PDB file of N, CA and C in Angstrom:
ATOM      1  N   MET A   1     239.527 143.651 134.628  1.00  0.00           N
ATOM      2  CA  MET A   1     239.894 144.891 133.978  1.00  0.00           C
ATOM      3  C   MET A   1     238.942 145.205 132.831  1.00  0.00           C
ATOM      4  N   ILE A   2     238.632 144.222 132.016  1.00  0.00           N
ATOM      5  CA  ILE A   2     237.722 144.423 130.885  1.00  0.00           C
ATOM      6  C   ILE A   2     236.347 144.839 131.395  1.00  0.00           C
ATOM      7  N   ARG A   3     235.869 144.208 132.459  1.00  0.00           N
ATOM      8  CA  ARG A   3     234.536 144.538 132.972  1.00  0.00           C
ATOM      9  C   ARG A   3     234.485 145.965 133.491  1.00  0.00           C
ATOM     10  N   ALA A   4     235.557 146.431 134.119  1.00  0.00           N
ATOM     11  CA  ALA A   4     235.606 147.820 134.580  1.00  0.00           C
ATOM     12  C   ALA A   4     235.581 148.777 133.398  1.00  0.00           C
ATOM     13  N   MET A   5     236.257 148.424 132.323  1.00  0.00           N
ATOM     14  CA  MET A   5     236.241 149.261 131.115  1.00  0.00           C
ATOM     15  C   MET A   5     234.844 149.295 130.508  1.00  0.00           C
ATOM     16  N   VAL A   6     234.126 148.190 130.590  1.00  0.00           N
ATOM     17  CA  VAL A   6     232.753 148.145 130.091  1.00  0.00           C
ATOM     18  C   VAL A   6     231.880 149.130 130.872  1.00  0.00           C
ATOM     19  N   CYS A   7     232.044 149.170 132.180  1.00  0.00           N
ATOM     20  CA  CYS A   7     231.268 150.108 133.001  1.00  0.00           C
ATOM     21  C   CYS A   7     231.562 151.548 132.598  1.00  0.00           C
ATOM     22  N   ARG A   8     232.830 151.845 132.388  1.00  0.00           N
ATOM     23  CA  ARG A   8     233.212 153.204 131.976  1.00  0.00           C
ATOM     24  C   ARG A   8     232.636 153.530 130.598  1.00  0.00           C
ATOM     25  N   PHE A   9     232.677 152.562 129.695  1.00  0.00           N
ATOM     26  CA  PHE A   9     232.126 152.751 128.360  1.00  0.00           C
ATOM     27  C   PHE A   9     230.629 153.041 128.434  1.00  0.00           C
ATOM     28  N   VAL A  10     229.918 152.292 129.265  1.00  0.00           N
ATOM     29  CA  VAL A  10     228.479 152.503 129.407  1.00  0.00           C
ATOM     30  C   VAL A  10     228.206 153.918 129.900  1.00  0.00           C
ATOM     31  N   HIS A  11     228.978 154.379 130.869  1.00  0.00           N
ATOM     32  CA  HIS A  11     228.822 155.747 131.374  1.00  0.00           C
ATOM     33  C   HIS A  11     228.984 156.752 130.228  1.00  0.00           C
ATOM     34  N   GLU A  12     230.063 156.613 129.479  1.00  0.00           N
ATOM     35  CA  GLU A  12     230.326 157.555 128.382  1.00  0.00           C
ATOM     36  C   GLU A  12     229.261 157.463 127.295  1.00  0.00           C
ATOM     37  N   LEU A  13     228.807 156.270 126.998  1.00  0.00           N
ATOM     38  CA  LEU A  13     227.770 156.087 125.986  1.00  0.00           C
ATOM     39  C   LEU A  13     226.474 156.786 126.395  1.00  0.00           C
ATOM     40  N   VAL A  14     226.067 156.590 127.649  1.00  0.00           N
ATOM     41  CA  VAL A  14     224.853 157.242 128.141  1.00  0.00           C
ATOM     42  C   VAL A  14     225.027 158.752 128.095  1.00  0.00           C
ATOM     43  N   ASP A  15     226.186 159.253 128.527  1.00  0.00           N
ATOM     44  CA  ASP A  15     226.472 160.690 128.442  1.00  0.00           C
ATOM     45  C   ASP A  15     226.256 161.208 127.019  1.00  0.00           C
ATOM     46  N   VAL A  16     226.875 160.565 126.059  1.00  0.00           N
ATOM     47  CA  VAL A  16     226.814 161.018 124.659  1.00  0.00           C
ATOM     48  C   VAL A  16     225.383 160.973 124.130  1.00  0.00           C
ATOM     49  N   LEU A  17     224.699 159.867 124.358  1.00  0.00           N
ATOM     50  CA  LEU A  17     223.337 159.735 123.847  1.00  0.00           C
ATOM     51  C   LEU A  17     222.403 160.785 124.436  1.00  0.00           C
ATOM     52  N   LEU A  18     222.494 161.009 125.732  1.00  0.00           N
ATOM     53  CA  LEU A  18     221.629 161.998 126.371  1.00  0.00           C
ATOM     54  C   LEU A  18     222.008 163.421 125.978  1.00  0.00           C
ATOM     55  N   CYS A  19     223.297 163.687 125.847  1.00  0.00           N
ATOM     56  CA  CYS A  19     223.724 165.022 125.419  1.00  0.00           C
ATOM     57  C   CYS A  19     223.225 165.316 124.008  1.00  0.00           C
ATOM     58  N   GLN A  20     223.359 164.368 123.115  1.00  0.00           N
ATOM     59  CA  GLN A  20     222.862 164.556 121.748  1.00  0.00           C
ATOM     60  C   GLN A  20     221.365 164.827 121.764  1.00  0.00           C
ATOM     61  N   ARG A  21     220.646 164.077 122.542  1.00  0.00           N
ATOM     62  CA  ARG A  21     219.193 164.234 122.614  1.00  0.00           C
ATOM     63  C   ARG A  21     218.805 165.615 123.140  1.00  0.00           C
ATOM     64  N   MET A  22     219.592 166.147 124.091  1.00  0.00           N
ATOM     65  CA  MET A  22     219.279 167.431 124.710  1.00  0.00           C
ATOM     66  C   MET A  22     219.951 168.618 124.017  1.00  0.00           C
ATOM     67  N   GLY A  23     220.704 168.343 122.954  1.00  0.00           N
ATOM     68  CA  GLY A  23     221.328 169.419 122.193  1.00  0.00           C
ATOM     69  C   GLY A  23     222.575 170.018 122.820  1.00  0.00           C
ATOM     70  N   VAL A  24     223.187 169.306 123.756  1.00  0.00           N
ATOM     71  CA  VAL A  24     224.431 169.766 124.371  1.00  0.00           C
ATOM     72  C   VAL A  24     225.568 169.421 123.409  1.00  0.00           C
ATOM     73  N   THR A  25     226.362 170.435 123.039  1.00  0.00           N
ATOM     74  CA  THR A  25     227.408 170.230 122.041  1.00  0.00           C
ATOM     75  C   THR A  25     228.754 169.888 122.681  1.00  0.00           C
ATOM     76  N   ALA A  26     229.613 169.300 121.879  1.00  0.00           N
ATOM     77  CA  ALA A  26     230.977 168.993 122.336  1.00  0.00           C
ATOM     78  C   ALA A  26     231.706 170.281 122.693  1.00  0.00           C
ATOM     79  N   ALA A  27     231.459 171.345 121.951  1.00  0.00           N
ATOM     80  CA  ALA A  27     232.110 172.631 122.239  1.00  0.00           C
ATOM     81  C   ALA A  27     231.712 173.146 123.623  1.00  0.00           C
ATOM     82  N   GLN A  28     230.452 172.993 123.991  1.00  0.00           N
ATOM     83  CA  GLN A  28     230.009 173.416 125.325  1.00  0.00           C
ATOM     84  C   GLN A  28     230.728 172.615 126.406  1.00  0.00           C
ATOM     85  N   LEU A  29     230.845 171.326 126.189  1.00  0.00           N
ATOM     86  CA  LEU A  29     231.502 170.469 127.169  1.00  0.00           C
ATOM     87  C   LEU A  29     232.975 170.800 127.305  1.00  0.00           C
ATOM     88  N   GLU A  30     233.655 170.978 126.180  1.00  0.00           N
ATOM     89  CA  GLU A  30     235.087 171.280 126.202  1.00  0.00           C
ATOM     90  C   GLU A  30     235.351 172.607 126.896  1.00  0.00           C
ATOM     91  N   THR A  31     234.541 173.615 126.592  1.00  0.00           N
ATOM     92  CA  THR A  31     234.711 174.929 127.223  1.00  0.00           C
ATOM     93  C   THR A  31     234.553 174.818 128.730  1.00  0.00           C
ATOM     94  N   PHE A  32     233.506 174.139 129.171  1.00  0.00           N
ATOM     95  CA  PHE A  32     233.264 173.984 130.598  1.00  0.00           C
ATOM     96  C   PHE A  32     234.388 173.196 131.253  1.00  0.00           C
ATOM     97  N   ASP A  33     234.805 172.106 130.620  1.00  0.00           N
ATOM     98  CA  ASP A  33     235.882 171.281 131.181  1.00  0.00           C
ATOM     99  C   ASP A  33     237.167 172.077 131.348  1.00  0.00           C
ATOM    100  N   ILE A  34     237.492 172.896 130.364  1.00  0.00           N
ATOM    101  CA  ILE A  34     238.712 173.715 130.441  1.00  0.00           C
ATOM    102  C   ILE A  34     238.622 174.707 131.595  1.00  0.00           C
ATOM    103  N   LEU A  35     237.470 175.326 131.755  1.00  0.00           N
ATOM    104  CA  LEU A  35     237.292 176.317 132.820  1.00  0.00           C
ATOM    105  C   LEU A  35     237.246 175.691 134.212  1.00  0.00           C
ATOM    106  N   HIS A  36     236.951 174.410 134.290  1.00  0.00           N
ATOM    107  CA  HIS A  36     236.783 173.750 135.589  1.00  0.00           C
ATOM    108  C   HIS A  36     237.710 172.555 135.759  1.00  0.00           C
ATOM    109  N   GLN A  37     238.917 172.669 135.250  1.00  0.00           N
ATOM    110  CA  GLN A  37     239.880 171.574 135.330  1.00  0.00           C
ATOM    111  C   GLN A  37     240.230 171.201 136.762  1.00  0.00           C
ATOM    112  N   ARG A  38     240.159 172.146 137.664  1.00  0.00           N
ATOM    113  CA  ARG A  38     240.554 171.877 139.054  1.00  0.00           C
ATOM    114  C   ARG A  38     239.440 171.246 139.884  1.00  0.00           C
ATOM    115  N   ASP A  39     238.238 171.240 139.357  1.00  0.00           N
ATOM    116  CA  ASP A  39     237.129 170.621 140.085  1.00  0.00           C
ATOM    117  C   ASP A  39     237.261 169.103 140.014  1.00  0.00           C
ATOM    118  N   ALA A  40     237.079 168.451 141.145  1.00  0.00           N
ATOM    119  CA  ALA A  40     237.239 166.995 141.209  1.00  0.00           C
ATOM    120  C   ALA A  40     236.212 166.275 140.334  1.00  0.00           C
ATOM    121  N   GLU A  41     234.991 166.746 140.340  1.00  0.00           N
ATOM    122  CA  GLU A  41     233.914 166.085 139.592  1.00  0.00           C
ATOM    123  C   GLU A  41     233.006 167.155 138.983  1.00  0.00           C
ATOM    124  N   PRO A  42     233.424 167.750 137.868  1.00  0.00           N
ATOM    125  CA  PRO A  42     232.620 168.837 137.293  1.00  0.00           C
ATOM    126  C   PRO A  42     231.207 168.422 136.914  1.00  0.00           C
ATOM    127  N   GLY A  43     230.977 167.176 136.608  1.00  0.00           N
ATOM    128  CA  GLY A  43     229.640 166.716 136.252  1.00  0.00           C
ATOM    129  C   GLY A  43     228.632 166.834 137.381  1.00  0.00           C
ATOM    130  N   LYS A  44     229.118 166.968 138.608  1.00  0.00           N
ATOM    131  CA  LYS A  44     228.216 167.103 139.749  1.00  0.00           C
ATOM    132  C   LYS A  44     227.829 168.554 140.025  1.00  0.00           C
ATOM    133  N   ILE A  45     228.420 169.501 139.317  1.00  0.00           N
ATOM    134  CA  ILE A  45     228.067 170.910 139.470  1.00  0.00           C
ATOM    135  C   ILE A  45     226.700 171.113 138.806  1.00  0.00           C
ATOM    136  N   PRO A  46     225.698 171.584 139.558  1.00  0.00           N
ATOM    137  CA  PRO A  46     224.338 171.676 139.015  1.00  0.00           C
ATOM    138  C   PRO A  46     224.203 172.495 137.730  1.00  0.00           C
ATOM    139  N   TRP A  47     225.038 173.486 137.526  1.00  0.00           N
ATOM    140  CA  TRP A  47     224.931 174.301 136.312  1.00  0.00           C
ATOM    141  C   TRP A  47     225.879 173.839 135.212  1.00  0.00           C
ATOM    142  N   PHE A  48     226.457 172.683 135.385  1.00  0.00           N
ATOM    143  CA  PHE A  48     227.280 172.047 134.360  1.00  0.00           C
ATOM    144  C   PHE A  48     226.393 171.788 133.138  1.00  0.00           C
ATOM    145  N   PRO A  49     226.890 171.991 131.910  1.00  0.00           N
ATOM    146  CA  PRO A  49     226.040 171.860 130.717  1.00  0.00           C
ATOM    147  C   PRO A  49     225.339 170.505 130.575  1.00  0.00           C
ATOM    148  N   TYR A  50     225.928 169.456 131.154  1.00  0.00           N
ATOM    149  CA  TYR A  50     225.237 168.159 131.062  1.00  0.00           C
ATOM    150  C   TYR A  50     225.166 167.476 132.424  1.00  0.00           C
ATOM    151  N   HIS A  51     224.837 168.257 133.418  1.00  0.00           N
ATOM    152  CA  HIS A  51     224.713 167.749 134.786  1.00  0.00           C
ATOM    153  C   HIS A  51     223.698 166.602 134.868  1.00  0.00           C
ATOM    154  N   ARG A  52     222.493 166.804 134.352  1.00  0.00           N
ATOM    155  CA  ARG A  52     221.459 165.767 134.423  1.00  0.00           C
ATOM    156  C   ARG A  52     221.884 164.507 133.682  1.00  0.00           C
ATOM    157  N   GLN A  53     222.518 164.696 132.531  1.00  0.00           N
ATOM    158  CA  GLN A  53     222.959 163.553 131.738  1.00  0.00           C
ATOM    159  C   GLN A  53     224.058 162.781 132.481  1.00  0.00           C
ATOM    160  N   HIS A  54     224.958 163.513 133.119  1.00  0.00           N
ATOM    161  CA  HIS A  54     226.055 162.895 133.866  1.00  0.00           C
ATOM    162  C   HIS A  54     225.505 162.066 135.032  1.00  0.00           C
ATOM    163  N   ILE A  55     224.534 162.602 135.742  1.00  0.00           N
ATOM    164  CA  ILE A  55     223.946 161.886 136.876  1.00  0.00           C
ATOM    165  C   ILE A  55     223.243 160.605 136.389  1.00  0.00           C
ATOM    166  N   ALA A  56     222.540 160.704 135.256  1.00  0.00           N
ATOM    167  CA  ALA A  56     221.887 159.520 134.683  1.00  0.00           C
ATOM    168  C   ALA A  56     222.928 158.480 134.269  1.00  0.00           C
ATOM    169  N   ALA A  57     224.031 158.934 133.692  1.00  0.00           N
ATOM    170  CA  ALA A  57     225.097 158.017 133.279  1.00  0.00           C
ATOM    171  C   ALA A  57     225.719 157.336 134.495  1.00  0.00           C
ATOM    172  N   GLN A  58     225.880 158.074 135.577  1.00  0.00           N
ATOM    173  CA  GLN A  58     226.412 157.467 136.802  1.00  0.00           C
ATOM    174  C   GLN A  58     225.485 156.391 137.332  1.00  0.00           C
ATOM    175  N   ALA A  59     224.194 156.650 137.285  1.00  0.00           N
ATOM    176  CA  ALA A  59     223.231 155.645 137.753  1.00  0.00           C
ATOM    177  C   ALA A  59     223.356 154.369 136.922  1.00  0.00           C
ATOM    178  N   ALA A  60     223.528 154.534 135.616  1.00  0.00           N
ATOM    179  CA  ALA A  60     223.663 153.374 134.733  1.00  0.00           C
ATOM    180  C   ALA A  60     224.943 152.600 135.032  1.00  0.00           C
ATOM    181  N   ASP A  61     226.059 153.325 135.166  1.00  0.00           N
ATOM    182  CA  ASP A  61     227.308 152.587 135.361  1.00  0.00           C
ATOM    183  C   ASP A  61     227.475 152.070 136.782  1.00  0.00           C
ATOM    184  N   ARG A  62     226.744 152.602 137.734  1.00  0.00           N
ATOM    185  CA  ARG A  62     226.818 152.078 139.108  1.00  0.00           C
ATOM    186  C   ARG A  62     226.003 150.804 139.280  1.00  0.00           C
ATOM    187  N   ALA A  63     225.053 150.590 138.396  1.00  0.00           N
ATOM    188  CA  ALA A  63     224.251 149.369 138.469  1.00  0.00           C
ATOM    189  C   ALA A  63     225.042 148.166 137.948  1.00  0.00           C
ATOM    190  N   LEU A  64     225.987 148.406 137.081  1.00  0.00           N
ATOM    191  CA  LEU A  64     226.707 147.309 136.439  1.00  0.00           C
ATOM    192  C   LEU A  64     227.718 146.567 137.310  1.00  0.00           C
ATOM    193  N   PRO A  65     228.503 147.251 138.145  1.00  0.00           N
ATOM    194  CA  PRO A  65     229.535 146.510 138.887  1.00  0.00           C
ATOM    195  C   PRO A  65     228.995 145.325 139.685  1.00  0.00           C
ATOM    196  N   ASP A  66     227.847 145.494 140.317  1.00  0.00           N
ATOM    197  CA  ASP A  66     227.281 144.369 141.077  1.00  0.00           C
ATOM    198  C   ASP A  66     226.944 143.207 140.161  1.00  0.00           C
ATOM    199  N   GLU A  67     226.342 143.535 139.029  1.00  0.00           N
ATOM    200  CA  GLU A  67     225.945 142.488 138.093  1.00  0.00           C
ATOM    201  C   GLU A  67     227.144 141.819 137.425  1.00  0.00           C
ATOM    202  N   LEU A  68     228.216 142.590 137.228  1.00  0.00           N
ATOM    203  CA  LEU A  68     229.423 142.043 136.596  1.00  0.00           C
ATOM    204  C   LEU A  68     230.444 141.557 137.624  1.00  0.00           C
ATOM    205  N   GLU A  69     230.058 141.609 138.908  1.00  0.00           N
ATOM    206  CA  GLU A  69     230.911 141.177 140.021  1.00  0.00           C
ATOM    207  C   GLU A  69     232.246 141.902 140.030  1.00  0.00           C
ATOM    208  N   ILE A  70     232.156 143.238 139.957  1.00  0.00           N
ATOM    209  CA  ILE A  70     233.343 144.091 139.991  1.00  0.00           C
ATOM    210  C   ILE A  70     233.362 144.794 141.344  1.00  0.00           C
ATOM    211  N   ASP A  71     234.496 144.730 142.031  1.00  0.00           N
ATOM    212  CA  ASP A  71     234.688 145.468 143.265  1.00  0.00           C
ATOM    213  C   ASP A  71     235.272 146.824 142.865  1.00  0.00           C
ATOM    214  N   TRP A  72     234.388 147.779 142.610  1.00  0.00           N
ATOM    215  CA  TRP A  72     234.823 149.060 142.035  1.00  0.00           C
ATOM    216  C   TRP A  72     234.175 150.212 142.793  1.00  0.00           C
ATOM    217  N   GLU A  73     234.984 150.999 143.436  1.00  0.00           N
ATOM    218  CA  GLU A  73     234.490 152.182 144.136  1.00  0.00           C
ATOM    219  C   GLU A  73     234.448 153.339 143.162  1.00  0.00           C
ATOM    220  N   HIS A  74     233.335 154.108 143.179  1.00  0.00           N
ATOM    221  CA  HIS A  74     233.212 155.303 142.317  1.00  0.00           C
ATOM    222  C   HIS A  74     233.760 156.496 143.044  1.00  0.00           C
TER     223      HIS A  74
END
């Protein structure tokens, strides 16, 4: 359980760091999230305010389960 939480934390950390670097604000994210609550995975929408950052974060957190021996489907 702890290792799975670590993977999720890494994803969120990468998201935040890349968003800050690219100037994406929390207000932009909240507005988009509210408008797209019914979408299963809004981060995969190409015009999502932090689409590129989300994809990079997924790559980071998908590399960890194998190394941490977590059987975790994304």
